[in-house]
């Protein structure tokens, strides 16, 4: 329980922008990136406190769909793969407005594989934690304004955007998605 409270407080500090808001714009530069396999699993997904239930199939489908929506826009000349594990979630249930208005959260571990090199780009999975998008009725909690499927879709889109930001950072700092990644 304390772990979840800590994660919710930490996630509250993370900006939860709308993950789908920029999909009609050209994608950010990711060099030679081309997503081939988009794998999501949820063998250990933990349902957080005060959460509506979601099946493993719902979790993995929402994550795969959001990743495809964002990353199928890239058509670089080198193939990469995602291995994503859904670690935990909270799909906010209706609470007491303003006083106890739970927020939706999604926690993923992401591994990126370079197909040509035949290896992981990140030896340790990157943990991505996102909140529901602000401005969607969150003053009273998304449990009042969104269905569980809508919450999960929004969280998955926010997670895909967070993964994109991570990849851009790694490209700039570590040289991912450029010809130098050979060998």
C-alpha atoms as a PDB file:
ATOM      1  CA  UNK A   1       0.000   0.000   0.000  1.00  0.00           C
ATOM      2  CA  UNK A   2       2.805   2.431   0.874  1.00  0.00           C
ATOM      3  CA  UNK A   3       4.488   1.631  -2.439  1.00  0.00           C
ATOM      4  CA  UNK A   4       1.358   2.652  -4.343  1.00  0.00           C
ATOM      5  CA  UNK A   5       0.936   5.841  -2.327  1.00  0.00           C
ATOM      6  CA  UNK A   6       4.559   6.727  -3.025  1.00  0.00           C
ATOM      7  CA  UNK A   7       4.117   5.993  -6.736  1.00  0.00           C
ATOM      8  CA  UNK A   8       0.968   8.119  -6.864  1.00  0.00           C
ATOM      9  CA  UNK A   9       2.730  11.031  -5.183  1.00  0.00           C
ATOM     10  CA  UNK A  10       5.724  10.680  -7.512  1.00  0.00           C
ATOM     11  CA  UNK A  11       3.472  10.428 -10.539  1.00  0.00           C
ATOM     12  CA  UNK A  12       1.687  13.558  -9.384  1.00  0.00           C
ATOM     13  CA  UNK A  13       4.918  15.429  -9.964  1.00  0.00           C
ATOM     14  CA  UNK A  14       5.168  14.188 -13.543  1.00  0.00           C
ATOM     15  CA  UNK A  15       3.513  16.320 -16.227  1.00  0.00           C
ATOM     16  CA  UNK A  16       0.625  14.392 -17.712  1.00  0.00           C
ATOM     17  CA  UNK A  17       0.029  16.072 -21.014  1.00  0.00           C
ATOM     18  CA  UNK A  18      -2.392  14.703 -23.559  1.00  0.00           C
ATOM     19  CA  UNK A  19      -0.559  11.884 -25.275  1.00  0.00           C
ATOM     20  CA  UNK A  20      -2.573  12.122 -28.461  1.00  0.00           C
ATOM     21  CA  UNK A  21      -2.648  15.908 -28.831  1.00  0.00           C
ATOM     22  CA  UNK A  22       0.262  16.025 -31.297  1.00  0.00           C
ATOM     23  CA  UNK A  23      -0.543  12.996 -33.455  1.00  0.00           C
ATOM     24  CA  UNK A  24      -1.819  15.177 -36.298  1.00  0.00           C
ATOM     25  CA  UNK A  25       1.549  16.967 -36.450  1.00  0.00           C
ATOM     26  CA  UNK A  26       4.698  15.554 -38.084  1.00  0.00           C
ATOM     27  CA  UNK A  27       6.490  13.163 -35.725  1.00  0.00           C
ATOM     28  CA  UNK A  28       9.584  14.342 -33.869  1.00  0.00           C
ATOM     29  CA  UNK A  29      12.920  13.253 -35.350  1.00  0.00           C
ATOM     30  CA  UNK A  30      13.956   9.740 -34.361  1.00  0.00           C
ATOM     31  CA  UNK A  31      16.670   9.197 -36.956  1.00  0.00           C
ATOM     32  CA  UNK A  32      16.528   5.781 -38.609  1.00  0.00           C
ATOM     33  CA  UNK A  33      13.821   4.414 -36.266  1.00  0.00           C
ATOM     34  CA  UNK A  34      11.256   1.975 -37.661  1.00  0.00           C
ATOM     35  CA  UNK A  35       9.119  -0.006 -35.203  1.00  0.00           C
ATOM     36  CA  UNK A  36       8.627  -3.616 -36.294  1.00  0.00           C
ATOM     37  CA  UNK A  37       7.525  -5.584 -33.221  1.00  0.00           C
ATOM     38  CA  UNK A  38       5.374  -3.895 -30.616  1.00  0.00           C
ATOM     39  CA  UNK A  39       5.036  -6.443 -27.838  1.00  0.00           C
ATOM     40  CA  UNK A  40       3.164  -5.749 -24.605  1.00  0.00           C
ATOM     41  CA  UNK A  41       2.629  -8.217 -21.769  1.00  0.00           C
ATOM     42  CA  UNK A  42       1.088  -7.942 -18.316  1.00  0.00           C
ATOM     43  CA  UNK A  43       2.008 -11.091 -16.369  1.00  0.00           C
ATOM     44  CA  UNK A  44       2.563  -9.223 -13.090  1.00  0.00           C
ATOM     45  CA  UNK A  45       0.331  -6.178 -13.556  1.00  0.00           C
ATOM     46  CA  UNK A  46      -0.756  -4.936 -10.147  1.00  0.00           C
ATOM     47  CA  UNK A  47      -4.097  -3.235  -9.704  1.00  0.00           C
ATOM     48  CA  UNK A  48      -3.589  -0.263  -7.409  1.00  0.00           C
ATOM     49  CA  UNK A  49      -5.847   0.784  -4.561  1.00  0.00           C
ATOM     50  CA  UNK A  50      -9.214   2.329  -5.369  1.00  0.00           C
ATOM     51  CA  UNK A  51      -8.934   1.144  -8.967  1.00  0.00           C
ATOM     52  CA  UNK A  52     -11.462  -0.214 -11.364  1.00  0.00           C
ATOM     53  CA  UNK A  53     -10.491  -3.611 -12.758  1.00  0.00           C
ATOM     54  CA  UNK A  54      -8.922  -4.197 -16.167  1.00  0.00           C
ATOM     55  CA  UNK A  55      -7.987  -7.551 -17.647  1.00  0.00           C
ATOM     56  CA  UNK A  56      -4.472  -8.329 -18.829  1.00  0.00           C
ATOM     57  CA  UNK A  57      -5.857  -8.416 -22.362  1.00  0.00           C
ATOM     58  CA  UNK A  58      -7.378  -4.940 -22.007  1.00  0.00           C
ATOM     59  CA  UNK A  59      -4.116  -3.563 -20.602  1.00  0.00           C
ATOM     60  CA  UNK A  60      -1.891  -5.039 -23.291  1.00  0.00           C
ATOM     61  CA  UNK A  61      -4.228  -4.175 -26.174  1.00  0.00           C
ATOM     62  CA  UNK A  62      -4.532  -0.542 -25.056  1.00  0.00           C
ATOM     63  CA  UNK A  63      -0.747  -0.213 -24.734  1.00  0.00           C
ATOM     64  CA  UNK A  64      -0.035  -1.901 -28.095  1.00  0.00           C
ATOM     65  CA  UNK A  65      -2.664   0.224 -29.831  1.00  0.00           C
ATOM     66  CA  UNK A  66      -1.285   3.481 -28.401  1.00  0.00           C
ATOM     67  CA  UNK A  67       2.311   2.539 -29.281  1.00  0.00           C
ATOM     68  CA  UNK A  68       1.237   1.654 -32.833  1.00  0.00           C
ATOM     69  CA  UNK A  69      -0.737   4.889 -33.151  1.00  0.00           C
ATOM     70  CA  UNK A  70       2.353   6.934 -32.235  1.00  0.00           C
ATOM     71  CA  UNK A  71       5.256   4.893 -33.634  1.00  0.00           C
ATOM     72  CA  UNK A  72       3.806   3.509 -36.878  1.00  0.00           C
ATOM     73  CA  UNK A  73       4.277   7.072 -38.178  1.00  0.00           C
ATOM     74  CA  UNK A  74       8.045   6.496 -38.289  1.00  0.00           C
ATOM     75  CA  UNK A  75       9.543   4.920 -41.404  1.00  0.00           C
ATOM     76  CA  UNK A  76      13.284   4.914 -40.808  1.00  0.00           C
ATOM     77  CA  UNK A  77      15.544   2.412 -42.532  1.00  0.00           C
ATOM     78  CA  UNK A  78      16.482   0.383 -39.442  1.00  0.00           C
ATOM     79  CA  UNK A  79      14.224  -1.970 -37.505  1.00  0.00           C
ATOM     80  CA  UNK A  80      13.617  -1.759 -33.765  1.00  0.00           C
ATOM     81  CA  UNK A  81      11.341  -3.633 -31.387  1.00  0.00           C
ATOM     82  CA  UNK A  82       9.575  -2.767 -28.145  1.00  0.00           C
ATOM     83  CA  UNK A  83       9.210  -5.175 -25.258  1.00  0.00           C
ATOM     84  CA  UNK A  84       6.768  -3.611 -22.824  1.00  0.00           C
ATOM     85  CA  UNK A  85       5.567  -4.978 -19.521  1.00  0.00           C
ATOM     86  CA  UNK A  86       2.589  -3.420 -17.769  1.00  0.00           C
ATOM     87  CA  UNK A  87       3.644  -3.328 -14.121  1.00  0.00           C
ATOM     88  CA  UNK A  88       0.724  -1.555 -12.485  1.00  0.00           C
ATOM     89  CA  UNK A  89      -2.296   0.625 -13.003  1.00  0.00           C
ATOM     90  CA  UNK A  90      -5.005   2.601 -11.313  1.00  0.00           C
ATOM     91  CA  UNK A  91      -8.192   3.310 -13.244  1.00  0.00           C
ATOM     92  CA  UNK A  92      -9.733   5.869 -10.937  1.00  0.00           C
ATOM     93  CA  UNK A  93     -13.126   5.038  -9.525  1.00  0.00           C
ATOM     94  CA  UNK A  94     -15.539   7.809  -8.636  1.00  0.00           C
ATOM     95  CA  UNK A  95     -14.473   9.431  -5.370  1.00  0.00           C
ATOM     96  CA  UNK A  96     -15.599  12.343  -3.289  1.00  0.00           C
ATOM     97  CA  UNK A  97     -15.257  15.388  -5.560  1.00  0.00           C
ATOM     98  CA  UNK A  98     -12.262  17.619  -4.771  1.00  0.00           C
ATOM     99  CA  UNK A  99     -11.686  15.953  -1.356  1.00  0.00           C
ATOM    100  CA  UNK A 100     -10.844  12.455  -2.584  1.00  0.00           C
ATOM    101  CA  UNK A 101     -10.619  12.527  -6.325  1.00  0.00           C
ATOM    102  CA  UNK A 102      -8.375   9.594  -7.290  1.00  0.00           C
ATOM    103  CA  UNK A 103      -6.152   9.862 -10.357  1.00  0.00           C
ATOM    104  CA  UNK A 104      -5.548   7.196 -12.966  1.00  0.00           C
ATOM    105  CA  UNK A 105      -1.973   5.894 -13.300  1.00  0.00           C
ATOM    106  CA  UNK A 106      -0.161   3.495 -15.620  1.00  0.00           C
ATOM    107  CA  UNK A 107       3.299   2.035 -14.944  1.00  0.00           C
ATOM    108  CA  UNK A 108       5.264   0.301 -17.725  1.00  0.00           C
ATOM    109  CA  UNK A 109       8.731  -1.189 -18.134  1.00  0.00           C
ATOM    110  CA  UNK A 110      10.065  -0.605 -21.653  1.00  0.00           C
ATOM    111  CA  UNK A 111      12.946  -2.348 -23.424  1.00  0.00           C
ATOM    112  CA  UNK A 112      14.089  -1.303 -26.909  1.00  0.00           C
ATOM    113  CA  UNK A 113      15.757  -3.844 -29.213  1.00  0.00           C
ATOM    114  CA  UNK A 114      17.975  -3.072 -32.197  1.00  0.00           C
ATOM    115  CA  UNK A 115      17.141  -5.738 -34.797  1.00  0.00           C
ATOM    116  CA  UNK A 116      20.317  -5.419 -36.903  1.00  0.00           C
ATOM    117  CA  UNK A 117      22.635  -5.467 -33.881  1.00  0.00           C
ATOM    118  CA  UNK A 118      20.583  -8.261 -32.275  1.00  0.00           C
ATOM    119  CA  UNK A 119      20.707  -6.670 -28.833  1.00  0.00           C
ATOM    120  CA  UNK A 120      18.867  -4.509 -26.341  1.00  0.00           C
ATOM    121  CA  UNK A 121      19.632  -0.818 -26.469  1.00  0.00           C
ATOM    122  CA  UNK A 122      18.784  -0.464 -22.779  1.00  0.00           C
ATOM    123  CA  UNK A 123      20.080  -3.302 -20.613  1.00  0.00           C
ATOM    124  CA  UNK A 124      17.744  -2.339 -17.774  1.00  0.00           C
ATOM    125  CA  UNK A 125      14.106  -1.637 -18.683  1.00  0.00           C
ATOM    126  CA  UNK A 126      13.078   2.017 -18.535  1.00  0.00           C
ATOM    127  CA  UNK A 127      10.194   2.487 -16.137  1.00  0.00           C
ATOM    128  CA  UNK A 128       7.547   4.882 -17.432  1.00  0.00           C
ATOM    129  CA  UNK A 129       4.893   6.218 -15.056  1.00  0.00           C
ATOM    130  CA  UNK A 130       2.101   8.429 -16.363  1.00  0.00           C
ATOM    131  CA  UNK A 131      -1.031  10.045 -14.992  1.00  0.00           C
ATOM    132  CA  UNK A 132      -4.325  10.784 -16.631  1.00  0.00           C
ATOM    133  CA  UNK A 133      -4.446  13.891 -18.791  1.00  0.00           C
ATOM    134  CA  UNK A 134      -5.208  17.070 -16.931  1.00  0.00           C
ATOM    135  CA  UNK A 135      -8.243  18.994 -18.066  1.00  0.00           C
ATOM    136  CA  UNK A 136     -10.532  16.003 -18.645  1.00  0.00           C
ATOM    137  CA  UNK A 137     -12.720  16.528 -15.642  1.00  0.00           C
ATOM    138  CA  UNK A 138      -9.956  15.637 -13.200  1.00  0.00           C
ATOM    139  CA  UNK A 139     -11.146  18.216 -10.664  1.00  0.00           C
ATOM    140  CA  UNK A 140     -13.839  15.702  -9.834  1.00  0.00           C
ATOM    141  CA  UNK A 141     -11.754  12.731 -10.974  1.00  0.00           C
ATOM    142  CA  UNK A 142     -11.772  10.867 -14.263  1.00  0.00           C
ATOM    143  CA  UNK A 143     -13.774   8.135 -12.542  1.00  0.00           C
ATOM    144  CA  UNK A 144     -16.781  10.413 -12.896  1.00  0.00           C
ATOM    145  CA  UNK A 145     -16.131  11.601 -16.430  1.00  0.00           C
ATOM    146  CA  UNK A 146     -14.544   8.658 -18.266  1.00  0.00           C
ATOM    147  CA  UNK A 147     -15.281   4.961 -18.624  1.00  0.00           C
ATOM    148  CA  UNK A 148     -12.526   2.526 -17.619  1.00  0.00           C
ATOM    149  CA  UNK A 149     -11.731   1.919 -21.318  1.00  0.00           C
ATOM    150  CA  UNK A 150     -11.468   5.668 -21.962  1.00  0.00           C
ATOM    151  CA  UNK A 151      -9.175   6.032 -18.954  1.00  0.00           C
ATOM    152  CA  UNK A 152      -6.982   3.177 -20.165  1.00  0.00           C
ATOM    153  CA  UNK A 153      -6.813   4.571 -23.707  1.00  0.00           C
ATOM    154  CA  UNK A 154      -5.799   7.995 -22.414  1.00  0.00           C
ATOM    155  CA  UNK A 155      -3.171   6.533 -20.063  1.00  0.00           C
ATOM    156  CA  UNK A 156      -1.757   4.387 -22.874  1.00  0.00           C
ATOM    157  CA  UNK A 157      -1.530   7.388 -25.195  1.00  0.00           C
ATOM    158  CA  UNK A 158       0.241   9.350 -22.457  1.00  0.00           C
ATOM    159  CA  UNK A 159       2.619   6.415 -21.984  1.00  0.00           C
ATOM    160  CA  UNK A 160       3.376   6.265 -25.727  1.00  0.00           C
ATOM    161  CA  UNK A 161       4.206   9.982 -25.664  1.00  0.00           C
ATOM    162  CA  UNK A 162       6.453   9.427 -22.628  1.00  0.00           C
ATOM    163  CA  UNK A 163       8.227   6.583 -24.475  1.00  0.00           C
ATOM    164  CA  UNK A 164       8.743   8.897 -27.451  1.00  0.00           C
ATOM    165  CA  UNK A 165      10.299  11.524 -25.154  1.00  0.00           C
ATOM    166  CA  UNK A 166      12.571   8.828 -23.696  1.00  0.00           C
ATOM    167  CA  UNK A 167      13.682   7.709 -27.179  1.00  0.00           C
ATOM    168  CA  UNK A 168      14.439  11.295 -28.230  1.00  0.00           C
ATOM    169  CA  UNK A 169      16.519  11.760 -25.066  1.00  0.00           C
ATOM    170  CA  UNK A 170      18.431   8.523 -25.704  1.00  0.00           C
ATOM    171  CA  UNK A 171      19.028   9.471 -29.335  1.00  0.00           C
ATOM    172  CA  UNK A 172      20.535  12.789 -28.236  1.00  0.00           C
ATOM    173  CA  UNK A 173      22.523  11.458 -25.275  1.00  0.00           C
ATOM    174  CA  UNK A 174      23.437   7.917 -26.346  1.00  0.00           C
ATOM    175  CA  UNK A 175      23.361   8.081 -30.147  1.00  0.00           C
ATOM    176  CA  UNK A 176      20.418   5.721 -30.572  1.00  0.00           C
ATOM    177  CA  UNK A 177      18.707   5.526 -33.995  1.00  0.00           C
ATOM    178  CA  UNK A 178      21.716   6.714 -35.935  1.00  0.00           C
ATOM    179  CA  UNK A 179      24.255   4.843 -38.060  1.00  0.00           C
ATOM    180  CA  UNK A 180      26.647   4.824 -35.065  1.00  0.00           C
ATOM    181  CA  UNK A 181      24.507   2.189 -33.293  1.00  0.00           C
ATOM    182  CA  UNK A 182      26.132  -0.528 -35.458  1.00  0.00           C
ATOM    183  CA  UNK A 183      28.078  -3.170 -33.559  1.00  0.00           C
END
